[in-house]
Amino acid sequence: MRSGKTILALFIIAIFGIVAEAKEPVVKTGIEVLRDRGFEGLVGKRVGLVTNPSGVDSQLRSTIDILYNAPGVELVALYGPEHGVRGDLYAGDHVTDFKDPATGLPVYSIYGATRKPTPDMLKGIDVVVYDIQDVGVRSYTFISSLGLVMEACSAEGIEVMVLDRPNPLGGNKIEGCLVEQPFNSFVSQYRIPYVYGLTVGELAVMINEEGMNRGQKGNQEPVKCTLSVVPMEGWTRDMLYEDTGLPWVLPSPNIPYKDTPMYYASSGVCGELYGFMNIGIGYTLPFQLFGATWLDPEKLKARLEEYALPGVSFRTIWFKPFSGSQKGQLVGGLQFFFTDYENARITETQFYVMQAVAELYPNKKAFEIITGYGLFDKVCGTDYVRTEFSKRYKVSDIVDYWRKDEEPFRALSQRYHIY
């Protein structure tokens, strides 16, 4: 008979074995595949790298260090998008040129005075590598930076290589209408849905092949670059990030957790209505909350539950933001969860919250208490959502328009599936 201590020891070993097995990555990202291939395509070339702290392998080694020490590869320049190469800048802060203290390499800003690399920044470069973790939402600025890098490299005859990474929203979720003129901007640069269901490598190929790059003013002939994608191994379209076994390194300060991207897609549009709702920015649950100092959480929860939204559940919460306009104030609200992600309409959650608030608090309607809505229209890619919704504050008035481009885009985007 085994002693209690022996049984306990075996139990602990079993548990740790399960944990270790669960943590084993099942996906190899582009940087690891590139390394396994002996850095094919980069050997003997002068390389520029667009990256940030999310550009790491499964052991958290930076792509900067991997390429800097790669045999036969000459990494000569880094390019800093929003938040910077090392992630030391907050949202919207301008990135400046400097030397990377770890490598001594020049770091050129592509989120400051210019958002597109200049010819001087690219001088002497043979190939520009892009390695940043995407979130699968078009208002996230890194895909815009990628597109502008592709434009700039096309003009200079420089190759672009994208090291692919998982779409944390999976490869099947597509939601939202296409961007319309004149609402294209750095947060809605391409005619793609708000949630587009492609990896960044697939999207890069689509941008290139569909002629989506048309120069800075958007009215020129299509601009196409020499492009290659180093694909992942082991990723499938039904995977969320937690299924990959890979560590999550926040690509920007307010995307701290592997499931934050799905909440970003669900509240980020509403979050552009400054002065309306607190969506958790400045607290520990960014994008996963809807709250206000004047709000009764129980009433809002009851009203939203009447809508019977598929795949989403709410709980009441009281919190004090650590920063922002409501710093230190007691805010009442709801935290939301996706209990059936596949069937949930994640982007529409925020519109139903806006509807419920309008019904419960007629003097707190979203577009009547805010100071501006320019960014709201830009991230929506249209002013139709605002102008129609603000008439009656009913989701039914905008839902068909919001969904109208999804199936045509699904059919188009399948041409560019790598996985």
Protein backbone atom coordinates (compact mmCIF):
# COMPACT_ATOMS: atom_id res chain seq x y z
CA MET A 1 0.00 0.00 0.00
CA ARG A 2 1.30 3.41 -0.89
CA SER A 3 1.65 5.98 1.87
CA GLY A 4 -0.27 9.25 1.87
CA LYS A 5 2.97 11.11 1.12
CA THR A 6 3.67 8.87 -1.87
CA ILE A 7 0.19 9.40 -3.25
CA LEU A 8 0.51 13.15 -2.72
CA ALA A 9 3.88 13.16 -4.48
CA LEU A 10 2.49 11.23 -7.45
CA PHE A 11 -0.48 13.60 -7.59
CA ILE A 12 1.82 16.63 -7.65
CA ILE A 13 3.97 15.05 -10.36
CA ALA A 14 0.87 14.28 -12.41
CA ILE A 15 -0.47 17.81 -12.04
CA PHE A 16 2.85 19.39 -13.01
CA GLY A 17 3.09 17.01 -15.94
CA ILE A 18 -0.34 18.13 -17.16
CA VAL A 19 0.61 21.78 -16.75
CA ALA A 20 3.89 21.28 -18.60
CA GLU A 21 2.10 19.45 -21.40
CA ALA A 22 -0.57 22.16 -21.63
CA LYS A 23 2.10 24.84 -21.96
CA GLU A 24 3.94 23.13 -24.82
CA PRO A 25 3.41 25.31 -27.93
CA VAL A 26 1.57 23.61 -30.76
CA VAL A 27 2.27 26.49 -33.14
CA LYS A 28 5.57 27.70 -34.53
CA THR A 29 5.51 31.37 -35.45
CA GLY A 30 7.17 32.80 -38.53
CA ILE A 31 10.38 33.77 -36.72
CA GLU A 32 10.89 30.19 -35.55
CA VAL A 33 10.17 28.74 -38.97
CA LEU A 34 12.59 31.26 -40.49
CA ARG A 35 15.27 30.19 -38.02
CA ASP A 36 14.62 26.50 -38.76
CA ARG A 37 15.13 27.29 -42.46
CA GLY A 38 18.53 28.84 -41.78
CA PHE A 39 17.20 32.38 -42.29
CA GLU A 40 16.54 31.66 -45.93
CA GLY A 41 15.92 34.86 -47.85
CA LEU A 42 17.95 37.02 -45.45
CA VAL A 43 21.43 35.51 -45.63
CA GLY A 44 23.86 37.88 -47.30
CA LYS A 45 21.42 40.78 -47.14
CA ARG A 46 21.18 44.03 -45.24
CA VAL A 47 18.01 43.80 -43.21
CA GLY A 48 15.64 46.31 -41.63
CA LEU A 49 13.16 45.15 -38.98
CA VAL A 50 9.74 46.50 -38.01
CA THR A 51 8.86 45.03 -34.64
CA ASN A 52 7.90 45.66 -31.02
CA PRO A 53 8.02 43.63 -27.77
CA SER A 54 5.51 41.10 -29.15
CA GLY A 55 8.08 40.01 -31.75
CA VAL A 56 9.46 37.05 -29.80
CA ASP A 57 9.82 33.29 -30.20
CA SER A 58 8.16 30.73 -27.92
CA GLN A 59 11.01 31.13 -25.41
CA LEU A 60 10.54 34.92 -25.35
CA ARG A 61 13.71 35.65 -27.28
CA SER A 62 13.33 38.90 -29.19
CA THR A 63 13.28 38.84 -32.98
CA ILE A 64 15.70 41.76 -32.77
CA ASP A 65 18.27 39.63 -30.96
CA ILE A 66 17.59 36.56 -33.11
CA LEU A 67 18.23 38.42 -36.36
CA TYR A 68 21.08 40.47 -34.92
CA ASN A 69 22.93 37.25 -34.05
CA ALA A 70 21.81 35.22 -37.07
CA PRO A 71 24.76 33.87 -39.11
CA GLY A 72 25.08 35.58 -42.48
CA VAL A 73 22.34 38.12 -41.71
CA GLU A 74 23.23 41.80 -41.34
CA LEU A 75 20.56 43.56 -39.31
CA VAL A 76 21.24 47.25 -39.83
CA ALA A 77 18.11 49.21 -38.85
CA LEU A 78 14.97 49.03 -36.70
CA TYR A 79 11.67 50.79 -37.34
CA GLY A 80 9.39 51.84 -34.49
CA PRO A 81 5.58 51.81 -34.95
CA GLU A 82 3.10 53.07 -32.36
CA HIS A 83 4.40 52.37 -28.81
CA GLY A 84 7.96 51.98 -30.14
CA VAL A 85 10.29 49.07 -30.82
CA ARG A 86 10.74 48.34 -27.12
CA GLY A 87 7.16 49.25 -26.14
CA ASP A 88 8.22 52.21 -24.03
CA LEU A 89 5.63 54.68 -25.38
CA TYR A 90 1.93 54.98 -24.54
CA ALA A 91 -0.94 55.02 -27.04
CA GLY A 92 -0.73 58.03 -29.36
CA ASP A 93 2.71 59.16 -28.14
CA HIS A 94 5.04 60.05 -30.99
CA VAL A 95 7.99 57.76 -31.56
CA THR A 96 11.34 59.46 -32.13
CA ASP A 97 14.56 58.37 -33.86
CA PHE A 98 17.32 57.07 -31.58
CA LYS A 99 19.81 54.22 -31.18
CA ASP A 100 18.67 50.95 -29.63
CA PRO A 101 20.68 50.64 -26.39
CA ALA A 102 20.90 46.83 -26.59
CA THR A 103 22.28 46.59 -30.13
CA GLY A 104 23.41 50.10 -31.03
CA LEU A 105 21.28 49.94 -34.17
CA PRO A 106 19.49 53.07 -35.42
CA VAL A 107 15.77 53.08 -34.68
CA TYR A 108 13.68 55.09 -37.12
CA SER A 109 10.24 56.32 -36.15
CA ILE A 110 7.26 55.40 -38.31
CA TYR A 111 4.81 56.87 -35.81
CA GLY A 112 5.81 60.48 -35.49
CA ALA A 113 6.63 63.14 -38.03
CA THR A 114 6.22 60.43 -40.65
CA ARG A 115 4.23 57.20 -40.59
CA LYS A 116 5.87 55.93 -43.75
CA PRO A 117 9.59 55.19 -44.00
CA THR A 118 11.41 57.81 -46.04
CA PRO A 119 14.00 56.93 -48.71
CA ASP A 120 16.76 58.01 -46.31
CA MET A 121 15.44 55.60 -43.65
CA LEU A 122 15.57 52.76 -46.16
CA LYS A 123 18.91 53.61 -47.74
CA GLY A 124 21.12 50.56 -48.15
CA ILE A 125 18.39 48.10 -47.07
CA ASP A 126 17.80 44.96 -49.14
CA VAL A 127 14.79 43.57 -47.29
CA VAL A 128 12.49 44.84 -44.53
CA VAL A 129 11.16 42.20 -42.14
CA TYR A 130 7.88 42.71 -40.26
CA ASP A 131 7.21 40.81 -37.02
CA ILE A 132 4.45 42.15 -34.75
CA GLN A 133 1.59 40.31 -33.05
CA ASP A 134 -1.68 41.46 -34.60
CA VAL A 135 -5.08 41.56 -32.85
CA GLY A 136 -7.33 40.97 -35.87
CA VAL A 137 -9.12 44.34 -35.70
CA ARG A 138 -8.63 46.94 -38.44
CA SER A 139 -8.48 49.97 -36.08
CA TYR A 140 -5.27 48.60 -34.56
CA THR A 141 -2.57 50.71 -36.18
CA PHE A 142 0.14 48.12 -36.79
CA ILE A 143 -1.48 46.79 -39.98
CA SER A 144 -1.59 50.36 -41.28
CA SER A 145 2.12 50.68 -40.54
CA LEU A 146 2.73 47.43 -42.42
CA GLY A 147 0.87 48.74 -45.45
CA LEU A 148 2.84 51.98 -45.50
CA VAL A 149 6.10 50.05 -45.17
CA MET A 150 5.02 47.99 -48.19
CA GLU A 151 4.33 51.20 -50.14
CA ALA A 152 7.67 52.73 -49.23
CA CYS A 153 9.60 49.56 -50.07
CA SER A 154 7.83 49.28 -53.41
CA ALA A 155 9.05 52.74 -54.38
CA GLU A 156 12.64 51.85 -53.46
CA GLY A 157 12.67 48.33 -54.94
CA ILE A 158 13.11 46.74 -51.51
CA GLU A 159 11.69 43.35 -50.56
CA VAL A 160 9.25 42.93 -47.66
CA MET A 161 9.14 39.76 -45.58
CA VAL A 162 6.28 39.18 -43.11
CA LEU A 163 6.87 36.70 -40.29
CA ASP A 164 3.40 35.35 -39.65
CA ARG A 165 1.69 35.09 -36.28
CA PRO A 166 -1.71 33.86 -35.05
CA ASN A 167 -4.83 35.95 -35.34
CA PRO A 168 -6.01 35.86 -31.69
CA LEU A 169 -9.63 36.15 -32.87
CA GLY A 170 -9.20 33.04 -35.00
CA GLY A 171 -9.40 32.77 -38.76
CA ASN A 172 -13.16 32.46 -39.13
CA LYS A 173 -14.60 35.50 -37.34
CA ILE A 174 -15.53 38.31 -39.76
CA GLU A 175 -17.67 41.24 -38.62
CA GLY A 176 -18.39 44.81 -39.68
CA CYS A 177 -18.76 46.82 -42.86
CA LEU A 178 -15.95 47.87 -45.18
CA VAL A 179 -14.31 51.27 -44.86
CA GLU A 180 -15.86 53.95 -47.07
CA GLN A 181 -14.36 57.15 -48.46
CA PRO A 182 -13.68 59.65 -46.94
CA PHE A 183 -13.46 57.76 -43.64
CA ASN A 184 -10.31 55.81 -44.39
CA SER A 185 -7.56 56.79 -41.96
CA PHE A 186 -4.65 55.34 -40.01
CA VAL A 187 -7.22 53.49 -37.86
CA SER A 188 -9.19 52.31 -40.91
CA GLN A 189 -6.72 52.28 -43.76
CA TYR A 190 -8.06 49.40 -45.85
CA ARG A 191 -11.41 48.30 -47.25
CA ILE A 192 -11.69 45.37 -44.91
CA PRO A 193 -14.27 44.56 -42.21
CA TYR A 194 -13.70 45.67 -38.64
CA VAL A 195 -12.85 42.05 -37.76
CA TYR A 196 -11.26 40.49 -40.84
CA GLY A 197 -10.38 36.87 -40.02
CA LEU A 198 -6.90 36.83 -41.61
CA THR A 199 -3.42 36.48 -40.21
CA VAL A 200 -1.16 39.45 -40.78
CA GLY A 201 0.68 37.48 -43.47
CA GLU A 202 -2.54 36.67 -45.29
CA LEU A 203 -3.66 40.27 -45.01
CA ALA A 204 -0.36 41.53 -46.42
CA VAL A 205 -0.77 39.29 -49.48
CA MET A 206 -4.36 40.47 -49.91
CA ILE A 207 -3.33 44.14 -49.69
CA ASN A 208 -0.65 43.51 -52.31
CA GLU A 209 -2.67 41.41 -54.74
CA GLU A 210 -5.92 43.38 -54.49
CA GLY A 211 -4.19 46.70 -55.08
CA MET A 212 -5.29 48.14 -51.73
CA ASN A 213 -2.17 50.30 -51.48
CA ARG A 214 -2.67 53.37 -53.63
CA GLY A 215 -0.21 55.88 -52.27
CA GLN A 216 -0.57 58.41 -49.48
CA LYS A 217 -3.67 60.15 -50.89
CA GLY A 218 -5.42 56.94 -51.91
CA ASN A 219 -6.15 58.12 -55.46
CA GLN A 220 -3.10 56.78 -57.30
CA GLU A 221 -2.54 53.57 -59.23
CA PRO A 222 -2.14 50.44 -57.09
CA VAL A 223 1.29 50.11 -55.48
CA LYS A 224 2.69 46.58 -55.26
CA CYS A 225 5.86 45.44 -53.52
CA THR A 226 7.99 42.31 -53.70
CA LEU A 227 6.49 40.36 -50.81
CA SER A 228 7.13 37.05 -49.07
CA VAL A 229 5.44 35.52 -46.03
CA VAL A 230 7.10 33.04 -43.71
CA PRO A 231 4.10 30.99 -42.58
CA MET A 232 3.47 29.44 -39.20
CA GLU A 233 3.43 25.73 -38.60
CA GLY A 234 0.58 24.11 -36.69
CA TRP A 235 -1.92 26.97 -36.77
CA THR A 236 -5.48 26.32 -37.92
CA ARG A 237 -8.30 28.76 -38.52
CA ASP A 238 -10.39 27.56 -35.58
CA MET A 239 -7.65 28.38 -33.06
CA LEU A 240 -7.91 31.19 -30.54
CA TYR A 241 -4.64 32.36 -29.04
CA GLU A 242 -4.99 30.17 -25.96
CA ASP A 243 -5.04 27.13 -28.25
CA THR A 244 -1.58 27.88 -29.65
CA GLY A 245 0.35 27.23 -26.43
CA LEU A 246 2.38 30.35 -27.13
CA PRO A 247 3.12 32.96 -24.47
CA TRP A 248 1.21 36.21 -24.88
CA VAL A 249 3.37 39.33 -24.93
CA LEU A 250 1.23 42.44 -24.94
CA PRO A 251 1.64 44.20 -28.31
CA SER A 252 0.50 47.49 -26.75
CA PRO A 253 -0.12 48.66 -23.16
CA ASN A 254 -3.88 48.12 -23.14
CA ILE A 255 -3.83 44.63 -24.69
CA PRO A 256 -2.33 42.80 -21.69
CA TYR A 257 -4.04 39.41 -21.90
CA LYS A 258 -4.45 36.81 -24.65
CA ASP A 259 -8.25 37.31 -24.69
CA THR A 260 -8.11 41.13 -24.62
CA PRO A 261 -8.29 41.37 -28.44
CA MET A 262 -11.83 39.97 -28.48
CA TYR A 263 -12.87 42.57 -25.91
CA TYR A 264 -11.07 45.27 -27.86
CA ALA A 265 -13.23 44.34 -30.84
CA SER A 266 -16.33 44.50 -28.64
CA SER A 267 -15.93 47.87 -26.92
CA GLY A 268 -13.22 49.80 -28.78
CA VAL A 269 -15.64 51.61 -31.10
CA CYS A 270 -17.74 52.75 -28.13
CA GLY A 271 -14.53 53.78 -26.39
CA GLU A 272 -13.96 56.45 -29.01
CA LEU A 273 -16.98 58.35 -27.60
CA TYR A 274 -14.99 60.21 -24.99
CA GLY A 275 -17.11 61.15 -22.00
CA PHE A 276 -19.74 58.46 -22.55
CA MET A 277 -18.63 55.17 -20.97
CA ASN A 278 -15.53 53.91 -19.20
CA ILE A 279 -14.51 50.70 -20.98
CA GLY A 280 -11.84 49.67 -18.46
CA ILE A 281 -8.93 51.75 -19.77
CA GLY A 282 -7.02 52.90 -16.71
CA TYR A 283 -8.11 49.82 -14.77
CA THR A 284 -7.05 46.16 -14.72
CA LEU A 285 -9.66 45.03 -17.29
CA PRO A 286 -9.11 47.18 -20.38
CA PHE A 287 -11.91 46.89 -22.97
CA GLN A 288 -13.84 44.35 -20.85
CA LEU A 289 -16.01 46.84 -18.95
CA PHE A 290 -18.82 49.29 -19.60
CA GLY A 291 -19.24 51.73 -16.73
CA ALA A 292 -20.06 55.25 -15.58
CA THR A 293 -20.30 57.09 -12.29
CA TRP A 294 -24.03 57.65 -12.86
CA LEU A 295 -24.83 54.08 -13.89
CA ASP A 296 -26.90 51.49 -11.99
CA PRO A 297 -25.18 48.20 -12.89
CA GLU A 298 -28.12 46.00 -11.90
CA LYS A 299 -30.53 47.91 -14.13
CA LEU A 300 -28.16 47.78 -17.10
CA LYS A 301 -27.50 44.06 -16.60
CA ALA A 302 -31.23 43.30 -16.47
CA ARG A 303 -31.92 45.27 -19.63
CA LEU A 304 -29.09 43.62 -21.59
CA GLU A 305 -30.22 40.19 -20.47
CA GLU A 306 -33.66 40.96 -21.90
CA TYR A 307 -31.99 41.17 -25.32
CA ALA A 308 -30.76 37.55 -25.00
CA LEU A 309 -27.57 38.26 -26.93
CA PRO A 310 -26.04 34.98 -28.11
CA GLY A 311 -22.78 33.93 -26.49
CA VAL A 312 -22.26 36.87 -24.12
CA SER A 313 -22.86 37.16 -20.38
CA PHE A 314 -22.57 40.07 -17.96
CA ARG A 315 -21.79 40.58 -14.29
CA THR A 316 -22.00 43.75 -12.24
CA ILE A 317 -18.82 45.42 -11.05
CA TRP A 318 -17.73 48.49 -9.11
CA PHE A 319 -14.23 49.82 -9.69
CA LYS A 320 -11.98 52.86 -9.30
CA PRO A 321 -9.78 53.60 -12.35
CA PHE A 322 -6.12 54.17 -11.56
CA SER A 323 -5.76 56.73 -14.36
CA GLY A 324 -7.78 58.71 -16.87
CA SER A 325 -10.60 61.21 -16.53
CA GLN A 326 -12.37 59.14 -13.85
CA LYS A 327 -9.25 58.39 -11.84
CA GLY A 328 -10.12 57.57 -8.23
CA GLN A 329 -13.88 57.82 -8.78
CA LEU A 330 -16.22 54.94 -8.02
CA VAL A 331 -17.58 53.64 -11.30
CA GLY A 332 -20.47 51.21 -11.58
CA GLY A 333 -20.74 48.98 -14.58
CA LEU A 334 -20.65 45.57 -16.16
CA GLN A 335 -17.88 43.15 -16.98
CA PHE A 336 -18.72 40.96 -19.95
CA PHE A 337 -17.60 37.50 -21.03
CA PHE A 338 -17.99 35.43 -24.17
CA THR A 339 -19.51 32.09 -23.18
CA ASP A 340 -19.99 30.97 -26.79
CA TYR A 341 -17.44 32.88 -28.83
CA GLU A 342 -18.21 31.13 -32.10
CA ASN A 343 -21.85 32.25 -32.09
CA ALA A 344 -21.36 35.63 -30.43
CA ARG A 345 -21.51 38.81 -32.53
CA ILE A 346 -18.63 40.37 -30.67
CA THR A 347 -18.55 43.81 -32.32
CA GLU A 348 -22.27 44.37 -31.77
CA THR A 349 -22.07 44.08 -27.97
CA GLN A 350 -21.16 47.77 -27.65
CA PHE A 351 -24.09 48.88 -29.80
CA TYR A 352 -26.53 46.99 -27.58
CA VAL A 353 -24.98 48.63 -24.51
CA MET A 354 -25.52 52.03 -26.15
CA GLN A 355 -29.13 51.08 -26.88
CA ALA A 356 -29.75 49.90 -23.31
CA VAL A 357 -28.28 53.10 -21.85
CA ALA A 358 -30.49 55.21 -24.12
CA GLU A 359 -33.57 53.29 -22.96
CA LEU A 360 -32.70 53.49 -19.26
CA TYR A 361 -31.20 56.99 -19.22
CA PRO A 362 -32.79 59.18 -21.93
CA ASN A 363 -30.61 62.12 -20.83
CA LYS A 364 -27.40 60.08 -21.25
CA LYS A 365 -27.69 59.06 -24.89
CA ALA A 366 -24.25 58.45 -26.38
CA PHE A 367 -24.15 61.10 -29.09
CA GLU A 368 -25.80 63.75 -26.93
CA ILE A 369 -23.31 63.82 -24.05
CA ILE A 370 -19.97 63.46 -25.84
CA THR A 371 -17.59 66.18 -27.00
CA GLY A 372 -16.80 64.73 -30.45
CA TYR A 373 -17.40 61.76 -32.68
CA GLY A 374 -14.74 62.05 -35.40
CA LEU A 375 -12.78 59.01 -34.28
CA PHE A 376 -16.00 57.02 -33.86
CA ASP A 377 -16.79 57.50 -37.55
CA LYS A 378 -13.22 56.68 -38.53
CA VAL A 379 -13.08 53.38 -36.63
CA CYS A 380 -16.53 52.47 -37.95
CA GLY A 381 -15.28 53.34 -41.43
CA THR A 382 -18.49 55.23 -42.13
CA ASP A 383 -20.79 57.87 -40.65
CA TYR A 384 -23.87 55.74 -41.39
CA VAL A 385 -23.69 53.93 -38.04
CA ARG A 386 -23.71 57.18 -36.11
CA THR A 387 -26.27 59.07 -38.16
CA GLU A 388 -28.79 56.22 -38.30
CA PHE A 389 -28.28 54.93 -34.78
CA SER A 390 -28.61 58.38 -33.23
CA LYS A 391 -32.14 58.76 -34.62
CA ARG A 392 -33.72 56.08 -32.40
CA TYR A 393 -30.80 54.33 -30.66
CA LYS A 394 -31.94 50.95 -31.96
CA VAL A 395 -29.40 48.35 -33.10
CA SER A 396 -31.98 47.05 -35.55
CA ASP A 397 -31.56 50.28 -37.54
CA ILE A 398 -27.86 49.63 -38.26
CA VAL A 399 -27.31 45.89 -37.98
CA ASP A 400 -27.99 45.07 -41.64
CA TYR A 401 -25.62 47.81 -42.77
CA TRP A 402 -22.94 46.71 -40.30
CA ARG A 403 -23.16 43.14 -41.64
CA LYS A 404 -23.66 43.83 -45.36
CA ASP A 405 -20.05 43.28 -46.50
CA GLU A 406 -19.17 40.26 -44.39
CA GLU A 407 -20.06 37.39 -46.74
CA PRO A 408 -18.65 39.03 -49.89
CA PHE A 409 -15.42 39.67 -48.00
CA ARG A 410 -15.36 36.11 -46.71
CA ALA A 411 -15.54 34.84 -50.29
CA LEU A 412 -12.82 37.24 -51.43
CA SER A 413 -10.47 36.64 -48.51
CA GLN A 414 -10.53 32.86 -48.93
CA ARG A 415 -8.33 33.34 -52.00
CA TYR A 416 -5.55 34.45 -49.67
CA HIS A 417 -5.80 31.79 -47.00
CA ILE A 418 -2.44 30.22 -46.21
CA TYR A 419 -3.91 27.89 -43.58
